[in-house]
Amino acid sequence: MEAENRFQLTKDLFLEGMGLVSRDSYGKTARIGTFVLLGAWLVLLLAALAAHQNPWFVVWEGLLIALVAVWLEVVLPRSRAKRAFRKVEAQSGGDMERITRFYPEGLEAQSGDRTKQVDYTDIVKVLRSRRLMVLLCRDKTGILLALDGFTLGSPERVQALIQLAQEEEKEETKHA
């Protein structure tokens, strides 16, 4: 075994992990939506000024757009994450310990009575925050690792294992 990560999954850690994933995927779309709304507001502002309308109309439109932007970028992702945590909590039956073991050829993630085997070449992205590392897999699942939960090895060792396996796969496909 090359590394091992053990930790108790808490709501705070789960929300932090979901926030990382959300910013990486949904966050880009939400930012584009916010910029589109801002552009629409600027067009409305110019039209209102050109038509000599009451400026309060434009202010109210701006407030409405700001509320929609906050809902898109903050409220919606957070409520999705909370719902997902309740689902994980219900499925776990109260056992929120996560154990991930790293071997030379892949990893084994254990939560409760379920175990998942993942080849390092199936990891498409590694995200990091202040307390977490999230391994995003091809099957659209994520594996959370607490940075302070390593009982053997380190986050750097895990990233090196993933990178080495992915480089070897590239070499094999290059020579095939």
N, C-alpha and C. Protein backbone atom coordinates (compact mmCIF):
# COMPACT_ATOMS: atom_id res chain seq x y z
N MET A 1 0.86 -1.18 0.00
CA MET A 1 0.00 0.00 0.00
C MET A 1 0.89 1.24 0.00
N GLU A 2 0.54 2.19 -0.87
CA GLU A 2 1.33 3.41 -1.03
C GLU A 2 0.86 4.54 -0.11
N ALA A 3 -0.46 4.60 0.12
CA ALA A 3 -1.02 5.67 0.97
C ALA A 3 -2.39 5.23 1.47
N GLU A 4 -2.82 5.87 2.57
CA GLU A 4 -4.15 5.61 3.12
C GLU A 4 -4.69 6.90 3.68
N ASN A 5 -5.99 7.13 3.44
CA ASN A 5 -6.66 8.31 3.94
C ASN A 5 -7.90 7.88 4.70
N ARG A 6 -8.03 8.33 5.95
CA ARG A 6 -9.19 8.00 6.80
C ARG A 6 -9.72 9.29 7.41
N PHE A 7 -11.04 9.44 7.37
CA PHE A 7 -11.66 10.59 8.03
C PHE A 7 -13.15 10.36 8.18
N GLN A 8 -13.74 11.11 9.09
CA GLN A 8 -15.19 11.11 9.27
C GLN A 8 -15.77 12.21 8.38
N LEU A 9 -16.68 11.81 7.51
CA LEU A 9 -17.32 12.78 6.63
C LEU A 9 -18.33 13.59 7.43
N THR A 10 -18.10 14.89 7.52
CA THR A 10 -19.02 15.79 8.20
C THR A 10 -19.76 16.62 7.15
N LYS A 11 -20.80 17.26 7.59
CA LYS A 11 -21.57 18.11 6.68
C LYS A 11 -20.68 19.23 6.12
N ASP A 12 -19.86 19.83 6.98
CA ASP A 12 -18.97 20.91 6.53
C ASP A 12 -18.01 20.44 5.45
N LEU A 13 -17.38 19.28 5.66
CA LEU A 13 -16.45 18.75 4.67
C LEU A 13 -17.17 18.42 3.36
N PHE A 14 -18.34 17.82 3.48
CA PHE A 14 -19.11 17.47 2.29
C PHE A 14 -19.48 18.72 1.51
N LEU A 15 -19.96 19.75 2.20
CA LEU A 15 -20.34 20.99 1.52
C LEU A 15 -19.13 21.65 0.87
N GLU A 16 -17.97 21.58 1.53
CA GLU A 16 -16.75 22.13 0.95
C GLU A 16 -16.39 21.38 -0.34
N GLY A 17 -16.49 20.06 -0.29
CA GLY A 17 -16.19 19.26 -1.47
C GLY A 17 -17.15 19.52 -2.60
N MET A 18 -18.43 19.59 -2.28
CA MET A 18 -19.43 19.88 -3.31
C MET A 18 -19.23 21.29 -3.88
N GLY A 19 -18.81 22.22 -3.03
CA GLY A 19 -18.53 23.56 -3.51
C GLY A 19 -17.39 23.57 -4.53
N LEU A 20 -16.36 22.77 -4.27
CA LEU A 20 -15.24 22.65 -5.21
C LEU A 20 -15.72 22.11 -6.55
N VAL A 21 -16.48 21.04 -6.50
CA VAL A 21 -16.98 20.40 -7.72
C VAL A 21 -17.93 21.35 -8.45
N SER A 22 -18.78 22.01 -7.71
CA SER A 22 -19.75 22.93 -8.30
C SER A 22 -19.04 24.09 -9.00
N ARG A 23 -18.05 24.68 -8.34
CA ARG A 23 -17.32 25.79 -8.96
C ARG A 23 -16.60 25.33 -10.22
N ASP A 24 -16.11 24.09 -10.20
CA ASP A 24 -15.37 23.58 -11.35
C ASP A 24 -16.27 23.31 -12.54
N SER A 25 -17.49 22.89 -12.31
CA SER A 25 -18.38 22.52 -13.42
C SER A 25 -19.49 23.55 -13.60
N TYR A 26 -20.43 23.55 -12.68
CA TYR A 26 -21.61 24.42 -12.77
C TYR A 26 -21.23 25.90 -12.64
N GLY A 27 -20.21 26.20 -11.89
CA GLY A 27 -19.83 27.59 -11.64
C GLY A 27 -19.52 28.36 -12.90
N LYS A 28 -18.89 27.71 -13.88
CA LYS A 28 -18.57 28.38 -15.15
C LYS A 28 -19.85 28.77 -15.87
N THR A 29 -20.82 27.87 -15.90
CA THR A 29 -22.11 28.15 -16.55
C THR A 29 -22.85 29.26 -15.81
N ALA A 30 -22.81 29.22 -14.48
CA ALA A 30 -23.50 30.25 -13.69
C ALA A 30 -22.87 31.62 -13.93
N ARG A 31 -21.54 31.69 -14.03
CA ARG A 31 -20.88 32.97 -14.30
C ARG A 31 -21.26 33.50 -15.68
N ILE A 32 -21.33 32.62 -16.66
CA ILE A 32 -21.74 33.05 -18.00
C ILE A 32 -23.17 33.58 -17.95
N GLY A 33 -24.06 32.87 -17.24
CA GLY A 33 -25.44 33.33 -17.08
C GLY A 33 -25.51 34.69 -16.41
N THR A 34 -24.67 34.89 -15.40
CA THR A 34 -24.63 36.18 -14.69
C THR A 34 -24.17 37.29 -15.63
N PHE A 35 -23.15 37.02 -16.44
CA PHE A 35 -22.67 38.04 -17.39
C PHE A 35 -23.73 38.34 -18.46
N VAL A 36 -24.47 37.34 -18.88
CA VAL A 36 -25.55 37.56 -19.85
C VAL A 36 -26.63 38.45 -19.22
N LEU A 37 -26.98 38.15 -17.96
CA LEU A 37 -27.97 38.99 -17.27
C LEU A 37 -27.47 40.42 -17.09
N LEU A 38 -26.19 40.57 -16.76
CA LEU A 38 -25.60 41.90 -16.62
C LEU A 38 -25.64 42.65 -17.95
N GLY A 39 -25.32 41.93 -19.03
CA GLY A 39 -25.39 42.54 -20.37
C GLY A 39 -26.80 42.98 -20.70
N ALA A 40 -27.79 42.14 -20.38
CA ALA A 40 -29.19 42.50 -20.62
C ALA A 40 -29.58 43.73 -19.82
N TRP A 41 -29.08 43.80 -18.58
CA TRP A 41 -29.39 44.95 -17.74
C TRP A 41 -28.77 46.22 -18.34
N LEU A 42 -27.56 46.12 -18.85
CA LEU A 42 -26.93 47.30 -19.46
C LEU A 42 -27.72 47.77 -20.68
N VAL A 43 -28.21 46.83 -21.48
CA VAL A 43 -29.04 47.19 -22.64
C VAL A 43 -30.32 47.89 -22.17
N LEU A 44 -30.95 47.33 -21.11
CA LEU A 44 -32.16 47.97 -20.56
C LEU A 44 -31.85 49.36 -20.00
N LEU A 45 -30.70 49.48 -19.37
CA LEU A 45 -30.29 50.79 -18.83
C LEU A 45 -30.15 51.81 -19.95
N LEU A 46 -29.46 51.42 -21.01
CA LEU A 46 -29.28 52.35 -22.13
C LEU A 46 -30.62 52.68 -22.79
N ALA A 47 -31.49 51.69 -22.93
CA ALA A 47 -32.80 51.93 -23.54
C ALA A 47 -33.64 52.86 -22.66
N ALA A 48 -33.58 52.64 -21.34
CA ALA A 48 -34.35 53.49 -20.42
C ALA A 48 -33.82 54.92 -20.44
N LEU A 49 -32.51 55.08 -20.48
CA LEU A 49 -31.94 56.43 -20.52
C LEU A 49 -32.28 57.13 -21.85
N ALA A 50 -32.22 56.37 -22.95
CA ALA A 50 -32.54 56.95 -24.26
C ALA A 50 -34.01 57.35 -24.34
N ALA A 51 -34.88 56.60 -23.67
CA ALA A 51 -36.32 56.88 -23.71
C ALA A 51 -36.73 57.85 -22.60
N HIS A 52 -35.77 58.32 -21.82
CA HIS A 52 -36.01 59.26 -20.72
C HIS A 52 -37.02 58.71 -19.72
N GLN A 53 -36.87 57.41 -19.39
CA GLN A 53 -37.75 56.79 -18.40
C GLN A 53 -37.26 57.09 -16.99
N ASN A 54 -38.10 56.76 -16.04
CA ASN A 54 -37.77 56.95 -14.63
C ASN A 54 -36.55 56.08 -14.29
N PRO A 55 -35.50 56.64 -13.68
CA PRO A 55 -34.30 55.85 -13.35
C PRO A 55 -34.58 54.77 -12.31
N TRP A 56 -35.64 54.90 -11.52
CA TRP A 56 -35.95 53.87 -10.53
C TRP A 56 -36.31 52.54 -11.18
N PHE A 57 -36.86 52.62 -12.37
CA PHE A 57 -37.18 51.41 -13.12
C PHE A 57 -35.90 50.59 -13.37
N VAL A 58 -34.85 51.26 -13.76
CA VAL A 58 -33.57 50.61 -14.03
C VAL A 58 -32.96 50.05 -12.73
N VAL A 59 -33.12 50.79 -11.64
CA VAL A 59 -32.60 50.33 -10.35
C VAL A 59 -33.30 49.04 -9.93
N TRP A 60 -34.63 49.01 -10.07
CA TRP A 60 -35.38 47.80 -9.72
C TRP A 60 -34.98 46.62 -10.60
N GLU A 61 -34.78 46.87 -11.88
CA GLU A 61 -34.32 45.80 -12.77
C GLU A 61 -32.96 45.28 -12.31
N GLY A 62 -32.07 46.20 -11.93
CA GLY A 62 -30.74 45.82 -11.46
C GLY A 62 -30.81 44.97 -10.20
N LEU A 63 -31.70 45.34 -9.27
CA LEU A 63 -31.87 44.56 -8.05
C LEU A 63 -32.40 43.16 -8.35
N LEU A 64 -33.35 43.09 -9.27
CA LEU A 64 -33.90 41.79 -9.65
C LEU A 64 -32.82 40.91 -10.28
N ILE A 65 -32.02 41.48 -11.14
CA ILE A 65 -30.94 40.73 -11.78
C ILE A 65 -29.90 40.30 -10.74
N ALA A 66 -29.61 41.16 -9.79
CA ALA A 66 -28.66 40.80 -8.72
C ALA A 66 -29.19 39.63 -7.89
N LEU A 67 -30.49 39.65 -7.59
CA LEU A 67 -31.09 38.54 -6.83
C LEU A 67 -31.02 37.23 -7.62
N VAL A 68 -31.29 37.29 -8.91
CA VAL A 68 -31.22 36.09 -9.74
C VAL A 68 -29.77 35.57 -9.78
N ALA A 69 -28.81 36.48 -9.89
CA ALA A 69 -27.40 36.08 -9.92
C ALA A 69 -26.98 35.41 -8.61
N VAL A 70 -27.40 35.97 -7.48
CA VAL A 70 -27.09 35.37 -6.17
C VAL A 70 -27.73 33.99 -6.07
N TRP A 71 -28.96 33.88 -6.54
CA TRP A 71 -29.64 32.58 -6.50
C TRP A 71 -28.89 31.56 -7.36
N LEU A 72 -28.47 31.97 -8.57
CA LEU A 72 -27.76 31.07 -9.48
C LEU A 72 -26.40 30.64 -8.93
N GLU A 73 -25.65 31.57 -8.36
CA GLU A 73 -24.27 31.29 -7.98
C GLU A 73 -24.09 30.85 -6.53
N VAL A 74 -25.05 31.13 -5.66
CA VAL A 74 -24.87 30.79 -4.25
C VAL A 74 -25.96 29.86 -3.73
N VAL A 75 -27.20 30.29 -3.84
CA VAL A 75 -28.31 29.56 -3.22
C VAL A 75 -28.53 28.19 -3.87
N LEU A 76 -28.63 28.15 -5.19
CA LEU A 76 -28.91 26.89 -5.89
C LEU A 76 -27.82 25.84 -5.64
N PRO A 77 -26.53 26.16 -5.83
CA PRO A 77 -25.52 25.13 -5.57
C PRO A 77 -25.51 24.66 -4.12
N ARG A 78 -25.72 25.58 -3.18
CA ARG A 78 -25.70 25.21 -1.76
C ARG A 78 -26.89 24.30 -1.41
N SER A 79 -28.07 24.61 -1.96
CA SER A 79 -29.23 23.77 -1.65
C SER A 79 -29.07 22.39 -2.28
N ARG A 80 -28.48 22.31 -3.46
CA ARG A 80 -28.19 21.01 -4.08
C ARG A 80 -27.22 20.20 -3.22
N ALA A 81 -26.20 20.86 -2.71
CA ALA A 81 -25.20 20.18 -1.88
C ALA A 81 -25.83 19.67 -0.59
N LYS A 82 -26.71 20.46 0.01
CA LYS A 82 -27.36 20.03 1.25
C LYS A 82 -28.26 18.82 0.99
N ARG A 83 -28.99 18.84 -0.13
CA ARG A 83 -29.82 17.68 -0.48
C ARG A 83 -28.97 16.44 -0.71
N ALA A 84 -27.84 16.62 -1.39
CA ALA A 84 -26.94 15.49 -1.65
C ALA A 84 -26.38 14.94 -0.35
N PHE A 85 -26.07 15.82 0.62
CA PHE A 85 -25.55 15.34 1.90
C PHE A 85 -26.60 14.52 2.64
N ARG A 86 -27.85 14.99 2.63
CA ARG A 86 -28.91 14.22 3.29
C ARG A 86 -29.04 12.83 2.67
N LYS A 87 -28.89 12.75 1.35
CA LYS A 87 -28.97 11.47 0.67
C LYS A 87 -27.80 10.56 1.07
N VAL A 88 -26.60 11.12 1.10
CA VAL A 88 -25.41 10.35 1.51
C VAL A 88 -25.55 9.89 2.95
N GLU A 89 -26.04 10.77 3.80
CA GLU A 89 -26.23 10.46 5.22
C GLU A 89 -27.23 9.31 5.39
N ALA A 90 -28.32 9.35 4.63
CA ALA A 90 -29.33 8.31 4.72
C ALA A 90 -28.79 6.97 4.20
N GLN A 91 -28.03 7.00 3.13
CA GLN A 91 -27.47 5.78 2.56
C GLN A 91 -26.40 5.15 3.44
N SER A 92 -25.71 5.98 4.20
CA SER A 92 -24.59 5.48 5.01
C SER A 92 -25.05 4.78 6.28
N GLY A 93 -26.28 5.00 6.68
CA GLY A 93 -26.77 4.38 7.91
C GLY A 93 -26.04 4.87 9.14
N GLY A 94 -25.51 6.07 9.10
CA GLY A 94 -24.83 6.65 10.25
C GLY A 94 -23.32 6.45 10.26
N ASP A 95 -22.80 5.53 9.43
CA ASP A 95 -21.36 5.30 9.37
C ASP A 95 -20.77 6.24 8.32
N MET A 96 -20.20 7.34 8.77
CA MET A 96 -19.69 8.35 7.86
C MET A 96 -18.16 8.30 7.72
N GLU A 97 -17.55 7.20 8.17
CA GLU A 97 -16.10 7.07 8.00
C GLU A 97 -15.79 6.73 6.55
N ARG A 98 -14.80 7.40 6.02
CA ARG A 98 -14.34 7.16 4.66
C ARG A 98 -12.88 6.69 4.74
N ILE A 99 -12.60 5.57 4.06
CA ILE A 99 -11.25 5.04 4.03
C ILE A 99 -10.88 4.84 2.56
N THR A 100 -9.79 5.44 2.16
CA THR A 100 -9.32 5.28 0.79
C THR A 100 -7.89 4.78 0.86
N ARG A 101 -7.65 3.65 0.20
CA ARG A 101 -6.32 3.05 0.16
C ARG A 101 -5.77 3.16 -1.26
N PHE A 102 -4.52 3.53 -1.34
CA PHE A 102 -3.87 3.75 -2.63
C PHE A 102 -2.80 2.68 -2.84
N TYR A 103 -2.92 1.99 -3.95
CA TYR A 103 -1.98 0.94 -4.34
C TYR A 103 -1.27 1.39 -5.60
N PRO A 104 -0.22 0.69 -6.02
CA PRO A 104 0.50 1.12 -7.23
C PRO A 104 -0.39 1.18 -8.48
N GLU A 105 -1.39 0.30 -8.59
CA GLU A 105 -2.20 0.23 -9.81
C GLU A 105 -3.54 0.98 -9.72
N GLY A 106 -3.98 1.34 -8.53
CA GLY A 106 -5.26 2.02 -8.39
C GLY A 106 -5.62 2.23 -6.94
N LEU A 107 -6.83 2.69 -6.71
CA LEU A 107 -7.26 2.97 -5.34
C LEU A 107 -8.51 2.17 -5.01
N GLU A 108 -8.77 2.09 -3.72
CA GLU A 108 -9.95 1.42 -3.20
C GLU A 108 -10.59 2.37 -2.19
N ALA A 109 -11.80 2.81 -2.48
CA ALA A 109 -12.52 3.74 -1.61
C ALA A 109 -13.62 2.97 -0.88
N GLN A 110 -13.61 3.07 0.44
CA GLN A 110 -14.57 2.34 1.26
C GLN A 110 -15.40 3.33 2.08
N SER A 111 -16.72 3.13 2.02
CA SER A 111 -17.62 3.92 2.87
C SER A 111 -18.69 2.95 3.37
N GLY A 112 -18.68 2.74 4.66
CA GLY A 112 -19.61 1.78 5.23
C GLY A 112 -19.32 0.39 4.71
N ASP A 113 -20.34 -0.26 4.18
CA ASP A 113 -20.15 -1.62 3.65
C ASP A 113 -19.89 -1.63 2.14
N ARG A 114 -19.76 -0.46 1.54
CA ARG A 114 -19.51 -0.37 0.10
C ARG A 114 -18.05 -0.06 -0.19
N THR A 115 -17.52 -0.72 -1.21
CA THR A 115 -16.15 -0.50 -1.64
C THR A 115 -16.14 -0.28 -3.14
N LYS A 116 -15.36 0.71 -3.57
CA LYS A 116 -15.26 1.04 -4.99
C LYS A 116 -13.79 0.97 -5.40
N GLN A 117 -13.52 0.26 -6.49
CA GLN A 117 -12.18 0.18 -7.06
C GLN A 117 -12.08 1.20 -8.19
N VAL A 118 -10.99 1.96 -8.22
CA VAL A 118 -10.80 2.97 -9.26
C VAL A 118 -9.37 2.87 -9.78
N ASP A 119 -9.25 2.74 -11.08
CA ASP A 119 -7.94 2.79 -11.72
C ASP A 119 -7.53 4.26 -11.81
N TYR A 120 -6.27 4.54 -11.62
CA TYR A 120 -5.81 5.93 -11.66
C TYR A 120 -6.08 6.60 -13.01
N THR A 121 -6.13 5.83 -14.06
CA THR A 121 -6.39 6.41 -15.38
C THR A 121 -7.85 6.84 -15.53
N ASP A 122 -8.72 6.42 -14.61
CA ASP A 122 -10.12 6.84 -14.63
C ASP A 122 -10.34 8.17 -13.90
N ILE A 123 -9.30 8.72 -13.31
CA ILE A 123 -9.41 10.01 -12.62
C ILE A 123 -9.13 11.10 -13.65
N VAL A 124 -10.11 11.97 -13.84
CA VAL A 124 -10.00 13.01 -14.87
C VAL A 124 -9.52 14.35 -14.32
N LYS A 125 -9.71 14.56 -13.02
CA LYS A 125 -9.30 15.85 -12.45
C LYS A 125 -9.10 15.71 -10.95
N VAL A 126 -8.14 16.47 -10.43
CA VAL A 126 -7.88 16.52 -8.99
C VAL A 126 -8.10 17.97 -8.55
N LEU A 127 -9.03 18.16 -7.62
CA LEU A 127 -9.33 19.50 -7.08
C LEU A 127 -8.84 19.56 -5.64
N ARG A 128 -8.40 20.74 -5.22
CA ARG A 128 -7.94 20.90 -3.84
C ARG A 128 -8.53 22.16 -3.23
N SER A 129 -8.80 22.06 -1.94
CA SER A 129 -9.21 23.22 -1.16
C SER A 129 -8.31 23.26 0.07
N ARG A 130 -8.67 24.06 1.00
CA ARG A 130 -7.88 24.22 2.23
C ARG A 130 -7.81 22.92 3.02
N ARG A 131 -8.91 22.14 3.03
CA ARG A 131 -8.96 20.92 3.84
C ARG A 131 -9.16 19.64 3.05
N LEU A 132 -9.44 19.75 1.75
CA LEU A 132 -9.82 18.57 0.97
C LEU A 132 -9.07 18.43 -0.33
N MET A 133 -9.05 17.20 -0.79
CA MET A 133 -8.66 16.87 -2.16
C MET A 133 -9.83 16.07 -2.71
N VAL A 134 -10.28 16.39 -3.91
CA VAL A 134 -11.38 15.68 -4.53
C VAL A 134 -10.88 15.09 -5.83
N LEU A 135 -11.03 13.77 -5.97
CA LEU A 135 -10.66 13.08 -7.19
C LEU A 135 -11.92 12.87 -8.02
N LEU A 136 -12.00 13.53 -9.17
CA LEU A 136 -13.16 13.39 -10.05
C LEU A 136 -12.90 12.28 -11.06
N CYS A 137 -13.84 11.34 -11.15
CA CYS A 137 -13.67 10.16 -12.00
C CYS A 137 -14.49 10.28 -13.28
N ARG A 138 -14.13 9.46 -14.25
CA ARG A 138 -14.84 9.43 -15.54
C ARG A 138 -16.32 9.15 -15.40
N ASP A 139 -16.69 8.34 -14.40
CA ASP A 139 -18.10 7.97 -14.22
C ASP A 139 -18.89 9.05 -13.47
N LYS A 140 -18.33 10.26 -13.40
CA LYS A 140 -18.98 11.43 -12.79
C LYS A 140 -19.13 11.31 -11.28
N THR A 141 -18.32 10.47 -10.65
CA THR A 141 -18.32 10.39 -9.19
C THR A 141 -17.07 11.10 -8.67
N GLY A 142 -17.09 11.42 -7.40
CA GLY A 142 -15.96 12.06 -6.77
C GLY A 142 -15.55 11.32 -5.52
N ILE A 143 -14.27 11.33 -5.25
CA ILE A 143 -13.74 10.71 -4.04
C ILE A 143 -13.12 11.81 -3.20
N LEU A 144 -13.68 12.00 -1.99
CA LEU A 144 -13.18 13.02 -1.08
C LEU A 144 -12.05 12.46 -0.24
N LEU A 145 -11.00 13.27 -0.07
CA LEU A 145 -9.90 12.93 0.81
C LEU A 145 -9.64 14.13 1.71
N ALA A 146 -9.57 13.88 3.01
CA ALA A 146 -9.22 14.96 3.94
C ALA A 146 -7.70 15.11 3.92
N LEU A 147 -7.22 16.32 3.72
CA LEU A 147 -5.79 16.53 3.65
C LEU A 147 -5.08 16.14 4.94
N ASP A 148 -5.79 16.26 6.08
CA ASP A 148 -5.18 15.87 7.35
C ASP A 148 -5.53 14.43 7.74
N GLY A 149 -6.12 13.66 6.80
CA GLY A 149 -6.55 12.30 7.10
C GLY A 149 -5.59 11.22 6.62
N PHE A 150 -4.41 11.60 6.17
CA PHE A 150 -3.46 10.60 5.68
C PHE A 150 -2.77 9.90 6.84
N THR A 151 -3.02 8.60 6.95
CA THR A 151 -2.35 7.79 7.97
C THR A 151 -1.08 7.16 7.40
N LEU A 152 -0.99 7.16 6.07
CA LEU A 152 0.17 6.66 5.37
C LEU A 152 0.27 7.46 4.08
N GLY A 153 1.45 7.88 3.71
CA GLY A 153 1.62 8.67 2.50
C GLY A 153 1.18 10.11 2.68
N SER A 154 0.93 10.78 1.57
CA SER A 154 0.58 12.20 1.59
C SER A 154 -0.22 12.56 0.34
N PRO A 155 -0.82 13.74 0.34
CA PRO A 155 -1.53 14.18 -0.87
C PRO A 155 -0.60 14.23 -2.09
N GLU A 156 0.64 14.64 -1.85
CA GLU A 156 1.60 14.72 -2.95
C GLU A 156 1.90 13.33 -3.52
N ARG A 157 1.99 12.32 -2.64
CA ARG A 157 2.23 10.95 -3.09
C ARG A 157 1.05 10.46 -3.94
N VAL A 158 -0.16 10.78 -3.53
CA VAL A 158 -1.35 10.38 -4.28
C VAL A 158 -1.34 11.04 -5.67
N GLN A 159 -1.04 12.32 -5.72
CA GLN A 159 -1.00 13.01 -7.01
C GLN A 159 0.09 12.42 -7.90
N ALA A 160 1.22 12.04 -7.32
CA ALA A 160 2.30 11.43 -8.09
C ALA A 160 1.86 10.08 -8.66
N LEU A 161 1.15 9.28 -7.86
CA LEU A 161 0.66 7.98 -8.35
C LEU A 161 -0.30 8.16 -9.53
N ILE A 162 -1.20 9.13 -9.40
CA ILE A 162 -2.18 9.40 -10.46
C ILE A 162 -1.47 9.88 -11.73
N GLN A 163 -0.55 10.81 -11.55
CA GLN A 163 0.17 11.37 -12.69
C GLN A 163 1.01 10.30 -13.39
N LEU A 164 1.69 9.46 -12.63
CA LEU A 164 2.51 8.40 -13.21
C LEU A 164 1.66 7.44 -14.04
N ALA A 165 0.52 7.00 -13.49
CA ALA A 165 -0.36 6.08 -14.20
C ALA A 165 -0.90 6.71 -15.49
N GLN A 166 -1.24 7.98 -15.43
CA GLN A 166 -1.78 8.65 -16.60
C GLN A 166 -0.71 8.87 -17.67
N GLU A 167 0.52 9.15 -17.24
CA GLU A 167 1.62 9.30 -18.20
C GLU A 167 1.93 7.96 -18.86
N GLU A 168 1.91 6.87 -18.08
CA GLU A 168 2.15 5.54 -18.64
C GLU A 168 1.07 5.18 -19.67
N GLU A 169 -0.18 5.54 -19.37
CA GLU A 169 -1.27 5.25 -20.32
C GLU A 169 -1.07 6.04 -21.61
N LYS A 170 -0.64 7.29 -21.51
CA LYS A 170 -0.39 8.10 -22.71
C LYS A 170 0.71 7.48 -23.55
N GLU A 171 1.76 7.00 -22.89
CA GLU A 171 2.86 6.36 -23.61
C GLU A 171 2.39 5.10 -24.32
N GLU A 172 1.56 4.30 -23.64
CA GLU A 172 1.04 3.07 -24.24
C GLU A 172 0.18 3.37 -25.45
N THR A 173 -0.68 4.38 -25.37
CA THR A 173 -1.54 4.72 -26.50
C THR A 173 -0.72 5.34 -27.64
N LYS A 174 0.36 6.02 -27.29
CA LYS A 174 1.22 6.64 -28.29
C LYS A 174 1.93 5.56 -29.12
N HIS A 175 2.33 4.47 -28.45
CA HIS A 175 3.07 3.41 -29.11
C HIS A 175 2.16 2.35 -29.74
N ALA A 176 0.89 2.45 -29.51
CA ALA A 176 -0.04 1.41 -30.04
C ALA A 176 -0.45 1.68 -31.46
